[in-house]
Amino acid sequence: MQVSPNNNTGPVIRAYWKASPPVPGGHGADTAQFDRATALNRSLADTPGVRPGEVERARELIGNVSYPPAETIKRIASLLAVNIKDAPADT
């Protein structure tokens, strides 16, 4: 058996791409205005990192032995059980 590599591509010639230099002020010119983004950044900086009212609410919920309700826990448990049955077993 004789193997002859086919290095001849015939009439097909390789295409070359020549990069043109960027045009100053062309597509890449940044003309966007970020007034709204600046205002958003300012309000984010003014927002407190911790909301005392929510922290107090969380403390009250933690102290409540009947939170979350038993019905909620049962529903979450059944949803987890359904998903565990459908999931493939890890080995």
N, C-alpha and C. Protein backbone atom coordinates (compact mmCIF):
# COMPACT_ATOMS: atom_id res chain seq x y z
N MET A 1 0.84 -1.17 0.00
CA MET A 1 0.00 0.00 0.00
C MET A 1 0.89 1.24 0.00
N GLN A 2 0.56 2.17 -0.88
CA GLN A 2 1.35 3.39 -0.99
C GLN A 2 0.49 4.57 -0.56
N VAL A 3 1.03 5.40 0.32
CA VAL A 3 0.33 6.58 0.80
C VAL A 3 0.99 7.80 0.20
N SER A 4 0.19 8.62 -0.48
CA SER A 4 0.75 9.85 -1.04
C SER A 4 -0.02 11.02 -0.44
N PRO A 5 0.66 11.90 0.28
CA PRO A 5 -0.02 13.04 0.88
C PRO A 5 -0.49 14.01 -0.20
N ASN A 6 -1.66 14.58 0.01
CA ASN A 6 -2.23 15.52 -0.94
C ASN A 6 -1.93 16.93 -0.44
N ASN A 7 -0.82 17.49 -0.89
CA ASN A 7 -0.44 18.83 -0.49
C ASN A 7 -0.91 19.87 -1.49
N ASN A 8 -1.42 19.46 -2.60
CA ASN A 8 -1.86 20.38 -3.63
C ASN A 8 -3.34 20.69 -3.41
N THR A 9 -3.66 21.95 -3.22
CA THR A 9 -5.05 22.33 -3.00
C THR A 9 -5.72 22.77 -4.29
N GLY A 10 -5.02 22.74 -5.39
CA GLY A 10 -5.61 23.10 -6.68
C GLY A 10 -5.80 24.60 -6.80
N PRO A 11 -6.94 25.01 -7.39
CA PRO A 11 -7.15 26.44 -7.64
C PRO A 11 -7.48 27.25 -6.39
N VAL A 12 -7.62 26.59 -5.25
CA VAL A 12 -7.96 27.31 -4.03
C VAL A 12 -6.70 27.96 -3.48
N ILE A 13 -6.78 29.26 -3.22
CA ILE A 13 -5.63 29.96 -2.63
C ILE A 13 -6.00 30.38 -1.22
N ARG A 14 -5.01 30.49 -0.41
CA ARG A 14 -5.21 30.87 0.98
C ARG A 14 -5.57 32.35 1.07
N ALA A 15 -6.57 32.66 1.87
CA ALA A 15 -7.00 34.05 2.05
C ALA A 15 -6.20 34.66 3.20
N TYR A 16 -5.71 35.84 2.99
CA TYR A 16 -4.97 36.56 4.02
C TYR A 16 -5.75 37.80 4.40
N TRP A 17 -5.71 38.11 5.68
CA TRP A 17 -6.42 39.28 6.17
C TRP A 17 -5.39 40.30 6.63
N LYS A 18 -5.51 41.49 6.10
CA LYS A 18 -4.59 42.55 6.47
C LYS A 18 -5.34 43.51 7.40
N ALA A 19 -4.82 43.66 8.59
CA ALA A 19 -5.46 44.55 9.55
C ALA A 19 -5.18 45.99 9.18
N SER A 20 -6.24 46.79 9.15
CA SER A 20 -6.06 48.21 8.86
C SER A 20 -5.85 48.95 10.17
N PRO A 21 -5.10 50.02 10.13
CA PRO A 21 -4.86 50.77 11.37
C PRO A 21 -6.17 51.41 11.85
N PRO A 22 -6.34 51.54 13.17
CA PRO A 22 -7.57 52.14 13.68
C PRO A 22 -7.69 53.60 13.27
N VAL A 23 -8.91 53.99 12.99
CA VAL A 23 -9.19 55.36 12.59
C VAL A 23 -9.42 56.18 13.85
N PRO A 24 -8.66 57.27 14.05
CA PRO A 24 -8.90 58.07 15.25
C PRO A 24 -10.29 58.70 15.20
N GLY A 25 -11.02 58.55 16.30
CA GLY A 25 -12.36 59.12 16.37
C GLY A 25 -13.39 58.31 15.59
N GLY A 26 -13.04 57.09 15.19
CA GLY A 26 -13.95 56.24 14.42
C GLY A 26 -14.95 55.55 15.32
N HIS A 27 -15.20 54.24 15.07
CA HIS A 27 -16.20 53.51 15.84
C HIS A 27 -15.88 53.50 17.33
N GLY A 28 -14.62 53.44 17.66
CA GLY A 28 -14.23 53.28 19.05
C GLY A 28 -14.33 54.54 19.88
N ALA A 29 -14.75 55.64 19.29
CA ALA A 29 -14.82 56.89 20.05
C ALA A 29 -15.88 56.76 21.14
N ASP A 30 -15.52 57.08 22.35
CA ASP A 30 -16.42 56.96 23.49
C ASP A 30 -17.23 58.24 23.61
N THR A 31 -18.51 58.13 23.30
CA THR A 31 -19.37 59.31 23.39
C THR A 31 -20.48 59.11 24.41
N ALA A 32 -20.41 58.04 25.19
CA ALA A 32 -21.47 57.75 26.16
C ALA A 32 -21.38 58.72 27.33
N GLN A 33 -22.55 59.03 27.87
CA GLN A 33 -22.61 59.88 29.05
C GLN A 33 -23.16 59.04 30.19
N PHE A 34 -22.54 59.14 31.32
CA PHE A 34 -22.89 58.30 32.45
C PHE A 34 -23.44 59.11 33.62
N ASP A 35 -24.31 60.06 33.34
CA ASP A 35 -24.89 60.87 34.40
C ASP A 35 -25.74 60.01 35.34
N ARG A 36 -26.54 59.12 34.76
CA ARG A 36 -27.39 58.28 35.59
C ARG A 36 -26.56 57.28 36.40
N ALA A 37 -25.48 56.78 35.81
CA ALA A 37 -24.62 55.85 36.53
C ALA A 37 -23.95 56.55 37.70
N THR A 38 -23.57 57.79 37.51
CA THR A 38 -22.95 58.55 38.59
C THR A 38 -23.95 58.75 39.73
N ALA A 39 -25.20 59.06 39.38
CA ALA A 39 -26.23 59.23 40.41
C ALA A 39 -26.49 57.91 41.13
N LEU A 40 -26.49 56.81 40.39
CA LEU A 40 -26.68 55.50 41.01
C LEU A 40 -25.54 55.17 41.96
N ASN A 41 -24.32 55.43 41.54
CA ASN A 41 -23.16 55.18 42.41
C ASN A 41 -23.24 56.02 43.67
N ARG A 42 -23.70 57.26 43.53
CA ARG A 42 -23.82 58.14 44.68
C ARG A 42 -24.86 57.59 45.65
N SER A 43 -26.03 57.14 45.12
CA SER A 43 -27.04 56.61 46.05
C SER A 43 -26.62 55.29 46.66
N LEU A 44 -25.86 54.49 45.94
CA LEU A 44 -25.35 53.26 46.54
C LEU A 44 -24.37 53.55 47.66
N ALA A 45 -23.57 54.58 47.49
CA ALA A 45 -22.62 54.96 48.53
C ALA A 45 -23.35 55.48 49.77
N ASP A 46 -24.52 56.11 49.57
CA ASP A 46 -25.28 56.65 50.69
C ASP A 46 -26.14 55.60 51.39
N THR A 47 -26.31 54.43 50.79
CA THR A 47 -27.13 53.38 51.38
C THR A 47 -26.36 52.71 52.51
N PRO A 48 -26.99 52.55 53.67
CA PRO A 48 -26.28 51.90 54.78
C PRO A 48 -26.05 50.42 54.48
N GLY A 49 -24.95 49.89 54.98
CA GLY A 49 -24.63 48.49 54.76
C GLY A 49 -25.53 47.56 55.54
N VAL A 50 -26.02 48.00 56.69
CA VAL A 50 -26.88 47.18 57.54
C VAL A 50 -28.15 47.98 57.82
N ARG A 51 -29.29 47.31 57.68
CA ARG A 51 -30.56 47.96 57.99
C ARG A 51 -31.00 47.51 59.37
N PRO A 52 -30.95 48.39 60.36
CA PRO A 52 -31.25 48.01 61.74
C PRO A 52 -32.64 47.39 61.91
N GLY A 53 -33.63 47.88 61.18
CA GLY A 53 -34.98 47.33 61.30
C GLY A 53 -35.04 45.87 60.87
N GLU A 54 -34.33 45.54 59.80
CA GLU A 54 -34.32 44.16 59.31
C GLU A 54 -33.52 43.25 60.24
N VAL A 55 -32.47 43.78 60.84
CA VAL A 55 -31.69 42.99 61.80
C VAL A 55 -32.55 42.66 63.01
N GLU A 56 -33.31 43.63 63.48
CA GLU A 56 -34.19 43.40 64.63
C GLU A 56 -35.27 42.38 64.28
N ARG A 57 -35.83 42.48 63.09
CA ARG A 57 -36.86 41.52 62.65
C ARG A 57 -36.28 40.10 62.60
N ALA A 58 -35.06 39.97 62.09
CA ALA A 58 -34.41 38.65 62.02
C ALA A 58 -34.18 38.09 63.41
N ARG A 59 -33.79 38.94 64.34
CA ARG A 59 -33.58 38.47 65.72
C ARG A 59 -34.88 37.98 66.33
N GLU A 60 -35.97 38.69 66.05
CA GLU A 60 -37.27 38.25 66.57
C GLU A 60 -37.68 36.91 65.98
N LEU A 61 -37.45 36.73 64.68
CA LEU A 61 -37.81 35.47 64.03
C LEU A 61 -36.97 34.31 64.56
N ILE A 62 -35.70 34.56 64.81
CA ILE A 62 -34.84 33.51 65.35
C ILE A 62 -35.31 33.10 66.74
N GLY A 63 -35.76 34.06 67.52
CA GLY A 63 -36.23 33.77 68.88
C GLY A 63 -37.58 33.07 68.90
N ASN A 64 -38.34 33.11 67.82
CA ASN A 64 -39.66 32.49 67.76
C ASN A 64 -39.51 31.01 67.42
N VAL A 65 -39.89 30.13 68.35
CA VAL A 65 -39.71 28.69 68.15
C VAL A 65 -40.66 28.13 67.10
N SER A 66 -41.73 28.84 66.78
CA SER A 66 -42.68 28.33 65.79
C SER A 66 -42.43 28.93 64.39
N TYR A 67 -41.27 29.50 64.19
CA TYR A 67 -40.93 30.03 62.87
C TYR A 67 -39.81 29.20 62.27
N PRO A 68 -39.85 28.79 61.07
CA PRO A 68 -40.98 28.86 60.14
C PRO A 68 -42.06 27.87 60.55
N PRO A 69 -43.28 28.09 60.07
CA PRO A 69 -44.38 27.18 60.43
C PRO A 69 -44.09 25.75 60.00
N ALA A 70 -44.65 24.80 60.72
CA ALA A 70 -44.42 23.38 60.43
C ALA A 70 -44.87 23.03 59.01
N GLU A 71 -45.96 23.64 58.54
CA GLU A 71 -46.45 23.38 57.19
C GLU A 71 -45.42 23.78 56.14
N THR A 72 -44.75 24.89 56.35
CA THR A 72 -43.71 25.34 55.41
C THR A 72 -42.56 24.34 55.39
N ILE A 73 -42.16 23.87 56.55
CA ILE A 73 -41.06 22.90 56.62
C ILE A 73 -41.45 21.60 55.92
N LYS A 74 -42.70 21.15 56.10
CA LYS A 74 -43.16 19.92 55.44
C LYS A 74 -43.16 20.08 53.92
N ARG A 75 -43.61 21.22 53.44
CA ARG A 75 -43.64 21.45 51.99
C ARG A 75 -42.23 21.49 51.40
N ILE A 76 -41.32 22.15 52.08
CA ILE A 76 -39.93 22.20 51.61
C ILE A 76 -39.34 20.80 51.61
N ALA A 77 -39.62 20.03 52.66
CA ALA A 77 -39.09 18.66 52.75
C ALA A 77 -39.63 17.80 51.61
N SER A 78 -40.91 17.94 51.28
CA SER A 78 -41.46 17.13 50.18
C SER A 78 -40.87 17.55 48.84
N LEU A 79 -40.64 18.84 48.64
CA LEU A 79 -39.99 19.29 47.40
C LEU A 79 -38.58 18.75 47.30
N LEU A 80 -37.86 18.75 48.40
CA LEU A 80 -36.50 18.19 48.40
C LEU A 80 -36.53 16.70 48.12
N ALA A 81 -37.50 15.99 48.70
CA ALA A 81 -37.59 14.54 48.48
C ALA A 81 -37.88 14.23 47.02
N VAL A 82 -38.74 15.00 46.38
CA VAL A 82 -39.04 14.78 44.96
C VAL A 82 -37.79 15.00 44.13
N ASN A 83 -37.04 16.04 44.43
CA ASN A 83 -35.83 16.33 43.67
C ASN A 83 -34.74 15.30 43.93
N ILE A 84 -34.68 14.76 45.13
CA ILE A 84 -33.68 13.73 45.43
C ILE A 84 -34.00 12.46 44.67
N LYS A 85 -35.28 12.10 44.55
CA LYS A 85 -35.67 10.90 43.82
C LYS A 85 -35.34 11.02 42.34
N ASP A 86 -35.48 12.22 41.77
CA ASP A 86 -35.22 12.43 40.35
C ASP A 86 -33.74 12.56 40.03
N ALA A 87 -32.95 12.92 41.02
CA ALA A 87 -31.52 13.15 40.78
C ALA A 87 -30.79 11.82 40.65
N PRO A 88 -29.78 11.75 39.76
CA PRO A 88 -28.99 10.51 39.66
C PRO A 88 -28.15 10.31 40.91
N ALA A 89 -27.95 9.06 41.27
CA ALA A 89 -27.17 8.73 42.46
C ALA A 89 -25.70 8.98 42.20
N ASP A 90 -25.04 9.65 43.11
CA ASP A 90 -23.59 9.88 43.01
C ASP A 90 -22.87 8.66 43.57
N THR A 91 -21.86 8.22 42.86
CA THR A 91 -21.11 7.06 43.35
C THR A 91 -19.69 7.43 43.61
